[in-house]
Amino acid sequence: MGQLRLSIALAACFSASFVMAQNVPELSGPQPDPMRSVPAAPIAQFVTDDVRQMRAYPEQPPVIPHSIEGYQLSVNTNRCMSCHTREMTRGSGAPMISITHYMTREAQMLADVSPRRYFCTQCHVPQADAPALIGNTFTDMSELGATGAGSE
């Protein structure tokens, strides 16, 4: 009896796999030719005007207003820190990284950048002169007619 059930189950699986295999599209064929070269889209250029961008929402990580091409960002080296740490901002003129970057998860202050905030590009991205990939219908609250508390 058990062997009969097993045989029926195997037959059902085999027939289902045969039916599904009929719907697999061809991987190659006459059109388009998979070996033909296709021109690549141009790479978007980084905005390098060093103008700080307006943030779209509160607590948004600021975008990087300059190119970071060639910057080394590894466990041993972080080129961003050569301009943006507290000690280097006077000479570089760059804005200092947020004080929150010197805190642990438990809000304890550290003498140096917290390891969880060391890899800048996990939150901050360079601004590129590129069209939006998808449409955006975001409307800021100030444009919706919202007024501040106590302004009535």
N, C-alpha and C. Protein backbone atom coordinates (compact mmCIF):
# COMPACT_ATOMS: atom_id res chain seq x y z
N MET A 1 0.82 -1.19 0.00
CA MET A 1 0.00 0.00 0.00
C MET A 1 0.87 1.27 0.00
N GLY A 2 1.93 1.27 0.87
CA GLY A 2 2.84 2.41 0.94
C GLY A 2 3.61 2.59 -0.35
N GLN A 3 3.97 1.45 -1.00
CA GLN A 3 4.72 1.54 -2.25
C GLN A 3 3.83 2.10 -3.37
N LEU A 4 2.55 1.80 -3.34
CA LEU A 4 1.61 2.32 -4.33
C LEU A 4 1.49 3.84 -4.19
N ARG A 5 1.38 4.34 -2.95
CA ARG A 5 1.30 5.78 -2.71
C ARG A 5 2.56 6.50 -3.20
N LEU A 6 3.70 5.88 -2.92
CA LEU A 6 4.96 6.46 -3.34
C LEU A 6 5.04 6.51 -4.88
N SER A 7 4.60 5.47 -5.53
CA SER A 7 4.60 5.44 -7.00
C SER A 7 3.68 6.50 -7.58
N ILE A 8 2.51 6.68 -6.97
CA ILE A 8 1.57 7.69 -7.45
C ILE A 8 2.15 9.09 -7.26
N ALA A 9 2.77 9.32 -6.10
CA ALA A 9 3.36 10.64 -5.82
C ALA A 9 4.49 10.94 -6.80
N LEU A 10 5.33 9.96 -7.08
CA LEU A 10 6.42 10.16 -8.03
C LEU A 10 5.88 10.41 -9.44
N ALA A 11 4.85 9.71 -9.82
CA ALA A 11 4.25 9.91 -11.13
C ALA A 11 3.66 11.31 -11.24
N ALA A 12 3.02 11.79 -10.16
CA ALA A 12 2.44 13.13 -10.17
C ALA A 12 3.55 14.18 -10.28
N CYS A 13 4.63 14.00 -9.54
CA CYS A 13 5.75 14.94 -9.62
C CYS A 13 6.38 14.95 -11.01
N PHE A 14 6.54 13.78 -11.59
CA PHE A 14 7.14 13.67 -12.91
C PHE A 14 6.27 14.36 -13.95
N SER A 15 4.96 14.14 -13.89
CA SER A 15 4.08 14.76 -14.87
C SER A 15 4.00 16.28 -14.67
N ALA A 16 4.05 16.75 -13.41
CA ALA A 16 4.03 18.19 -13.14
C ALA A 16 5.30 18.84 -13.67
N SER A 17 6.44 18.19 -13.48
CA SER A 17 7.69 18.77 -13.98
C SER A 17 7.71 18.80 -15.50
N PHE A 18 7.10 17.82 -16.14
CA PHE A 18 7.03 17.80 -17.60
C PHE A 18 6.16 18.95 -18.11
N VAL A 19 5.03 19.21 -17.44
CA VAL A 19 4.13 20.30 -17.83
C VAL A 19 4.82 21.64 -17.63
N MET A 20 5.52 21.82 -16.50
CA MET A 20 6.21 23.09 -16.22
C MET A 20 7.37 23.31 -17.19
N ALA A 21 8.01 22.25 -17.62
CA ALA A 21 9.14 22.39 -18.54
C ALA A 21 8.68 22.91 -19.89
N GLN A 22 7.43 22.76 -20.21
CA GLN A 22 6.91 23.24 -21.48
C GLN A 22 6.83 24.77 -21.52
N ASN A 23 6.81 25.42 -20.34
CA ASN A 23 6.65 26.87 -20.27
C ASN A 23 7.98 27.62 -20.13
N VAL A 24 9.09 26.94 -20.16
CA VAL A 24 10.39 27.58 -20.01
C VAL A 24 10.76 28.27 -21.33
N PRO A 25 11.06 29.57 -21.29
CA PRO A 25 11.43 30.27 -22.53
C PRO A 25 12.80 29.82 -23.02
N GLU A 26 13.01 29.98 -24.31
CA GLU A 26 14.31 29.62 -24.88
C GLU A 26 15.38 30.56 -24.36
N LEU A 27 16.55 30.01 -24.10
CA LEU A 27 17.65 30.81 -23.58
C LEU A 27 18.44 31.48 -24.69
N SER A 28 18.36 30.98 -25.89
CA SER A 28 19.04 31.62 -27.01
C SER A 28 18.21 31.38 -28.26
N GLY A 29 18.52 32.10 -29.28
CA GLY A 29 17.76 31.96 -30.50
C GLY A 29 18.15 33.03 -31.48
N PRO A 30 17.44 33.11 -32.59
CA PRO A 30 17.82 34.05 -33.64
C PRO A 30 17.65 35.51 -33.23
N GLN A 31 16.68 35.88 -32.42
CA GLN A 31 16.54 37.27 -32.03
C GLN A 31 16.30 37.36 -30.55
N PRO A 32 16.86 38.26 -29.83
CA PRO A 32 18.05 39.00 -30.24
C PRO A 32 19.27 38.10 -30.14
N ASP A 33 20.26 38.42 -30.91
CA ASP A 33 21.49 37.63 -30.92
C ASP A 33 22.23 37.87 -29.61
N PRO A 34 22.40 36.84 -28.78
CA PRO A 34 23.04 37.05 -27.48
C PRO A 34 24.51 37.43 -27.58
N MET A 35 25.13 37.23 -28.73
CA MET A 35 26.55 37.54 -28.89
C MET A 35 26.79 38.93 -29.48
N ARG A 36 25.71 39.63 -29.87
CA ARG A 36 25.85 40.96 -30.45
C ARG A 36 26.12 41.98 -29.35
N SER A 37 27.02 42.90 -29.61
CA SER A 37 27.33 43.95 -28.63
C SER A 37 26.18 44.93 -28.55
N VAL A 38 25.88 45.35 -27.35
CA VAL A 38 24.83 46.33 -27.11
C VAL A 38 25.50 47.54 -26.47
N PRO A 39 25.26 48.74 -27.00
CA PRO A 39 25.91 49.91 -26.40
C PRO A 39 25.40 50.15 -24.98
N ALA A 40 26.33 50.48 -24.09
CA ALA A 40 25.98 50.74 -22.69
C ALA A 40 25.51 52.18 -22.54
N ALA A 41 24.64 52.38 -21.58
CA ALA A 41 24.18 53.74 -21.28
C ALA A 41 25.35 54.52 -20.66
N PRO A 42 25.41 55.81 -20.91
CA PRO A 42 26.51 56.59 -20.33
C PRO A 42 26.43 56.60 -18.80
N ILE A 43 27.56 56.62 -18.16
CA ILE A 43 27.62 56.66 -16.70
C ILE A 43 27.32 58.08 -16.24
N ALA A 44 26.44 58.19 -15.27
CA ALA A 44 26.08 59.52 -14.74
C ALA A 44 27.29 60.14 -14.06
N GLN A 45 27.44 61.43 -14.23
CA GLN A 45 28.56 62.15 -13.63
C GLN A 45 28.19 62.59 -12.21
N PHE A 46 29.17 62.54 -11.30
CA PHE A 46 28.95 63.02 -9.95
C PHE A 46 28.84 64.54 -9.96
N VAL A 47 27.99 65.07 -9.11
CA VAL A 47 27.90 66.51 -8.92
C VAL A 47 29.09 66.90 -8.05
N THR A 48 29.89 67.84 -8.52
CA THR A 48 31.13 68.19 -7.81
C THR A 48 31.16 69.67 -7.43
N ASP A 49 30.00 70.28 -7.22
CA ASP A 49 29.99 71.71 -6.92
C ASP A 49 30.12 72.02 -5.43
N ASP A 50 30.15 70.99 -4.59
CA ASP A 50 30.28 71.12 -3.13
C ASP A 50 29.16 71.95 -2.49
N VAL A 51 28.02 72.05 -3.16
CA VAL A 51 26.87 72.75 -2.58
C VAL A 51 26.05 71.74 -1.80
N ARG A 52 25.81 72.04 -0.52
CA ARG A 52 25.05 71.13 0.31
C ARG A 52 23.60 71.08 -0.15
N GLN A 53 23.06 69.87 -0.29
CA GLN A 53 21.70 69.67 -0.79
C GLN A 53 20.69 69.70 0.34
N MET A 54 19.49 70.16 0.03
CA MET A 54 18.38 70.15 0.98
C MET A 54 17.99 68.70 1.23
N ARG A 55 17.67 68.38 2.47
CA ARG A 55 17.23 67.02 2.79
C ARG A 55 15.74 66.88 2.50
N ALA A 56 15.35 65.70 2.03
CA ALA A 56 13.96 65.47 1.63
C ALA A 56 13.06 65.17 2.83
N TYR A 57 13.63 64.69 3.94
CA TYR A 57 12.84 64.35 5.11
C TYR A 57 13.72 64.45 6.34
N PRO A 58 13.13 64.64 7.52
CA PRO A 58 13.93 64.76 8.74
C PRO A 58 14.77 63.50 8.97
N GLU A 59 15.97 63.69 9.45
CA GLU A 59 16.91 62.62 9.76
C GLU A 59 17.42 61.87 8.54
N GLN A 60 17.22 62.42 7.35
CA GLN A 60 17.81 61.83 6.14
C GLN A 60 19.31 62.04 6.21
N PRO A 61 20.10 61.00 5.94
CA PRO A 61 21.55 61.22 5.86
C PRO A 61 21.87 62.16 4.71
N PRO A 62 22.70 63.19 4.94
CA PRO A 62 23.00 64.10 3.84
C PRO A 62 23.71 63.40 2.70
N VAL A 63 23.45 63.87 1.49
CA VAL A 63 24.17 63.32 0.34
C VAL A 63 25.56 63.94 0.28
N ILE A 64 26.46 63.27 -0.39
CA ILE A 64 27.84 63.73 -0.51
C ILE A 64 27.91 64.65 -1.73
N PRO A 65 28.24 65.95 -1.54
CA PRO A 65 28.20 66.89 -2.66
C PRO A 65 29.49 66.96 -3.46
N HIS A 66 30.24 65.87 -3.47
CA HIS A 66 31.48 65.84 -4.26
C HIS A 66 31.75 64.40 -4.66
N SER A 67 32.62 64.21 -5.62
CA SER A 67 32.96 62.87 -6.08
C SER A 67 33.77 62.13 -5.02
N ILE A 68 33.51 60.86 -4.86
CA ILE A 68 34.32 60.04 -3.96
C ILE A 68 35.04 58.95 -4.75
N GLU A 69 35.11 59.15 -6.04
CA GLU A 69 35.81 58.20 -6.89
C GLU A 69 37.27 58.11 -6.48
N GLY A 70 37.75 56.92 -6.24
CA GLY A 70 39.12 56.71 -5.83
C GLY A 70 39.32 56.77 -4.32
N TYR A 71 38.28 57.08 -3.56
CA TYR A 71 38.41 57.12 -2.10
C TYR A 71 38.54 55.69 -1.58
N GLN A 72 39.45 55.49 -0.68
CA GLN A 72 39.59 54.18 -0.07
C GLN A 72 38.72 54.15 1.18
N LEU A 73 37.88 53.15 1.28
CA LEU A 73 36.99 52.98 2.42
C LEU A 73 37.04 51.51 2.80
N SER A 74 37.91 51.21 3.74
CA SER A 74 38.10 49.82 4.16
C SER A 74 38.24 49.78 5.68
N VAL A 75 38.46 48.60 6.22
CA VAL A 75 38.62 48.44 7.66
C VAL A 75 39.81 49.26 8.15
N ASN A 76 40.85 49.37 7.35
CA ASN A 76 42.07 50.06 7.77
C ASN A 76 42.10 51.54 7.42
N THR A 77 41.36 51.97 6.42
CA THR A 77 41.45 53.34 5.93
C THR A 77 40.07 53.88 5.59
N ASN A 78 39.83 55.14 5.97
CA ASN A 78 38.60 55.83 5.60
C ASN A 78 38.99 57.25 5.21
N ARG A 79 39.03 57.53 3.93
CA ARG A 79 39.48 58.83 3.45
C ARG A 79 38.53 59.95 3.85
N CYS A 80 37.27 59.65 4.08
CA CYS A 80 36.32 60.68 4.50
C CYS A 80 36.76 61.33 5.80
N MET A 81 37.37 60.54 6.68
CA MET A 81 37.77 61.04 7.99
C MET A 81 38.92 62.04 7.90
N SER A 82 39.63 62.08 6.78
CA SER A 82 40.73 63.04 6.66
C SER A 82 40.23 64.47 6.54
N CYS A 83 38.93 64.67 6.30
CA CYS A 83 38.36 66.02 6.23
C CYS A 83 37.22 66.24 7.24
N HIS A 84 36.46 65.19 7.55
CA HIS A 84 35.20 65.37 8.28
C HIS A 84 35.24 65.06 9.76
N THR A 85 36.35 64.58 10.32
CA THR A 85 36.40 64.36 11.77
C THR A 85 36.51 65.70 12.48
N ARG A 86 36.22 65.69 13.74
CA ARG A 86 36.22 66.91 14.56
C ARG A 86 37.56 67.63 14.47
N GLU A 87 38.66 66.91 14.49
CA GLU A 87 39.99 67.51 14.49
C GLU A 87 40.37 68.10 13.13
N MET A 88 39.81 67.62 12.05
CA MET A 88 40.24 68.01 10.71
C MET A 88 39.38 69.09 10.05
N THR A 89 38.23 69.41 10.61
CA THR A 89 37.31 70.33 9.93
C THR A 89 37.85 71.76 9.84
N ARG A 90 38.65 72.18 10.81
CA ARG A 90 39.18 73.55 10.76
C ARG A 90 40.06 73.73 9.53
N GLY A 91 40.94 72.79 9.26
CA GLY A 91 41.84 72.91 8.12
C GLY A 91 41.18 72.64 6.78
N SER A 92 40.19 71.75 6.77
CA SER A 92 39.58 71.36 5.50
C SER A 92 38.39 72.22 5.12
N GLY A 93 37.71 72.79 6.10
CA GLY A 93 36.50 73.56 5.82
C GLY A 93 35.29 72.68 5.59
N ALA A 94 35.45 71.39 5.72
CA ALA A 94 34.34 70.46 5.52
C ALA A 94 33.47 70.43 6.77
N PRO A 95 32.18 70.12 6.62
CA PRO A 95 31.34 70.01 7.82
C PRO A 95 31.75 68.80 8.65
N MET A 96 31.67 68.98 9.96
CA MET A 96 32.02 67.87 10.86
C MET A 96 30.92 66.81 10.82
N ILE A 97 31.31 65.55 10.93
CA ILE A 97 30.31 64.49 11.01
C ILE A 97 29.49 64.69 12.27
N SER A 98 28.27 64.20 12.24
CA SER A 98 27.34 64.38 13.35
C SER A 98 27.92 63.79 14.64
N ILE A 99 27.58 64.42 15.74
CA ILE A 99 28.03 63.94 17.05
C ILE A 99 27.51 62.53 17.32
N THR A 100 26.39 62.16 16.67
CA THR A 100 25.86 60.81 16.85
C THR A 100 26.81 59.75 16.32
N HIS A 101 27.73 60.14 15.44
CA HIS A 101 28.68 59.18 14.91
C HIS A 101 29.76 58.80 15.92
N TYR A 102 29.81 59.54 17.02
CA TYR A 102 30.76 59.24 18.10
C TYR A 102 30.09 58.50 19.25
N MET A 103 28.86 58.03 19.07
CA MET A 103 28.12 57.35 20.13
C MET A 103 27.98 55.86 19.86
N THR A 104 27.92 55.11 20.94
CA THR A 104 27.61 53.68 20.83
C THR A 104 26.09 53.54 20.75
N ARG A 105 25.61 52.33 20.61
CA ARG A 105 24.16 52.10 20.59
C ARG A 105 23.52 52.47 21.91
N GLU A 106 24.30 52.40 22.97
CA GLU A 106 23.79 52.73 24.31
C GLU A 106 23.96 54.22 24.62
N ALA A 107 24.29 55.05 23.62
CA ALA A 107 24.46 56.50 23.74
C ALA A 107 25.66 56.89 24.59
N GLN A 108 26.67 56.03 24.66
CA GLN A 108 27.91 56.36 25.36
C GLN A 108 28.84 57.05 24.37
N MET A 109 29.44 58.16 24.77
CA MET A 109 30.33 58.91 23.89
C MET A 109 31.69 58.22 23.78
N LEU A 110 32.24 58.25 22.59
CA LEU A 110 33.55 57.67 22.31
C LEU A 110 34.51 58.77 21.89
N ALA A 111 35.80 58.52 21.99
CA ALA A 111 36.81 59.49 21.57
C ALA A 111 36.97 59.49 20.06
N ASP A 112 36.60 58.40 19.41
CA ASP A 112 36.74 58.29 17.95
C ASP A 112 35.41 57.84 17.37
N VAL A 113 35.33 57.79 16.06
CA VAL A 113 34.10 57.41 15.37
C VAL A 113 33.70 55.99 15.76
N SER A 114 32.43 55.80 16.01
CA SER A 114 31.90 54.49 16.38
C SER A 114 32.10 53.51 15.22
N PRO A 115 32.48 52.28 15.51
CA PRO A 115 32.65 51.30 14.42
C PRO A 115 31.40 51.10 13.59
N ARG A 116 30.23 51.27 14.18
CA ARG A 116 28.99 51.09 13.40
C ARG A 116 28.71 52.26 12.47
N ARG A 117 29.44 53.37 12.62
CA ARG A 117 29.28 54.54 11.77
C ARG A 117 30.51 54.78 10.89
N TYR A 118 31.42 53.83 10.85
CA TYR A 118 32.70 54.02 10.16
C TYR A 118 32.57 53.95 8.65
N PHE A 119 31.68 53.12 8.13
CA PHE A 119 31.54 52.95 6.68
C PHE A 119 30.48 53.92 6.16
N CYS A 120 30.92 55.10 5.80
CA CYS A 120 30.05 56.23 5.46
C CYS A 120 29.04 55.90 4.37
N THR A 121 29.46 55.16 3.35
CA THR A 121 28.59 54.95 2.18
C THR A 121 27.48 53.95 2.43
N GLN A 122 27.37 53.42 3.65
CA GLN A 122 26.20 52.59 3.91
C GLN A 122 24.97 53.47 4.14
N CYS A 123 25.18 54.76 4.43
CA CYS A 123 24.07 55.71 4.58
C CYS A 123 24.17 56.90 3.63
N HIS A 124 25.38 57.39 3.39
CA HIS A 124 25.59 58.58 2.58
C HIS A 124 25.99 58.17 1.16
N VAL A 125 25.42 58.86 0.18
CA VAL A 125 25.71 58.55 -1.22
C VAL A 125 26.13 59.83 -1.95
N PRO A 126 27.01 59.72 -2.93
CA PRO A 126 27.34 60.92 -3.71
C PRO A 126 26.17 61.30 -4.61
N GLN A 127 25.98 62.58 -4.79
CA GLN A 127 24.90 63.08 -5.65
C GLN A 127 25.36 62.96 -7.10
N ALA A 128 24.55 62.34 -7.92
CA ALA A 128 24.88 62.19 -9.33
C ALA A 128 23.88 62.97 -10.18
N ASP A 129 24.36 63.47 -11.30
CA ASP A 129 23.50 64.18 -12.25
C ASP A 129 22.86 63.13 -13.16
N ALA A 130 21.81 62.50 -12.66
CA ALA A 130 21.17 61.40 -13.39
C ALA A 130 19.65 61.53 -13.25
N PRO A 131 18.91 61.09 -14.26
CA PRO A 131 17.46 61.13 -14.14
C PRO A 131 16.99 60.10 -13.10
N ALA A 132 15.85 60.36 -12.52
CA ALA A 132 15.29 59.43 -11.53
C ALA A 132 14.97 58.10 -12.20
N LEU A 133 15.25 57.01 -11.50
CA LEU A 133 14.97 55.69 -12.05
C LEU A 133 13.49 55.38 -12.08
N ILE A 134 12.76 55.89 -11.09
CA ILE A 134 11.31 55.72 -11.04
C ILE A 134 10.69 57.06 -10.70
N GLY A 135 9.43 57.22 -11.03
CA GLY A 135 8.73 58.46 -10.72
C GLY A 135 8.56 58.64 -9.23
N ASN A 136 8.43 59.89 -8.79
CA ASN A 136 8.30 60.19 -7.38
C ASN A 136 7.20 61.23 -7.22
N THR A 137 6.22 60.93 -6.40
CA THR A 137 5.13 61.87 -6.17
C THR A 137 5.16 62.41 -4.74
N PHE A 138 6.33 62.38 -4.10
CA PHE A 138 6.47 62.87 -2.74
C PHE A 138 6.12 64.35 -2.68
N THR A 139 5.31 64.72 -1.68
CA THR A 139 4.96 66.11 -1.44
C THR A 139 5.33 66.45 -0.01
N ASP A 140 6.13 67.49 0.16
CA ASP A 140 6.54 67.91 1.50
C ASP A 140 5.34 68.47 2.26
N MET A 141 5.35 68.30 3.59
CA MET A 141 4.23 68.78 4.40
C MET A 141 4.01 70.29 4.24
N SER A 142 5.09 71.04 4.04
CA SER A 142 4.94 72.48 3.90
C SER A 142 4.16 72.84 2.64
N GLU A 143 4.18 71.98 1.66
CA GLU A 143 3.45 72.22 0.42
C GLU A 143 1.99 71.76 0.51
N LEU A 144 1.65 71.00 1.57
CA LEU A 144 0.29 70.52 1.74
C LEU A 144 -0.58 71.52 2.50
N GLY A 145 0.03 72.62 2.93
CA GLY A 145 -0.73 73.62 3.66
C GLY A 145 -0.71 73.41 5.15
N ALA A 146 0.13 72.51 5.64
CA ALA A 146 0.22 72.29 7.08
C ALA A 146 0.87 73.50 7.73
N THR A 147 0.38 73.87 8.89
CA THR A 147 0.95 75.00 9.60
C THR A 147 1.59 74.51 10.89
N GLY A 148 2.51 75.29 11.38
CA GLY A 148 3.20 74.94 12.62
C GLY A 148 2.30 75.04 13.82
N ALA A 149 2.67 74.36 14.89
CA ALA A 149 1.89 74.39 16.12
C ALA A 149 1.86 75.81 16.68
N GLY A 150 0.70 76.26 17.09
CA GLY A 150 0.55 77.59 17.68
C GLY A 150 0.52 78.72 16.68
N SER A 151 0.42 78.43 15.39
CA SER A 151 0.42 79.48 14.39
C SER A 151 -1.00 79.96 14.03
N GLU A 152 -2.01 79.37 14.66
CA GLU A 152 -3.39 79.79 14.37
C GLU A 152 -3.74 81.08 15.02
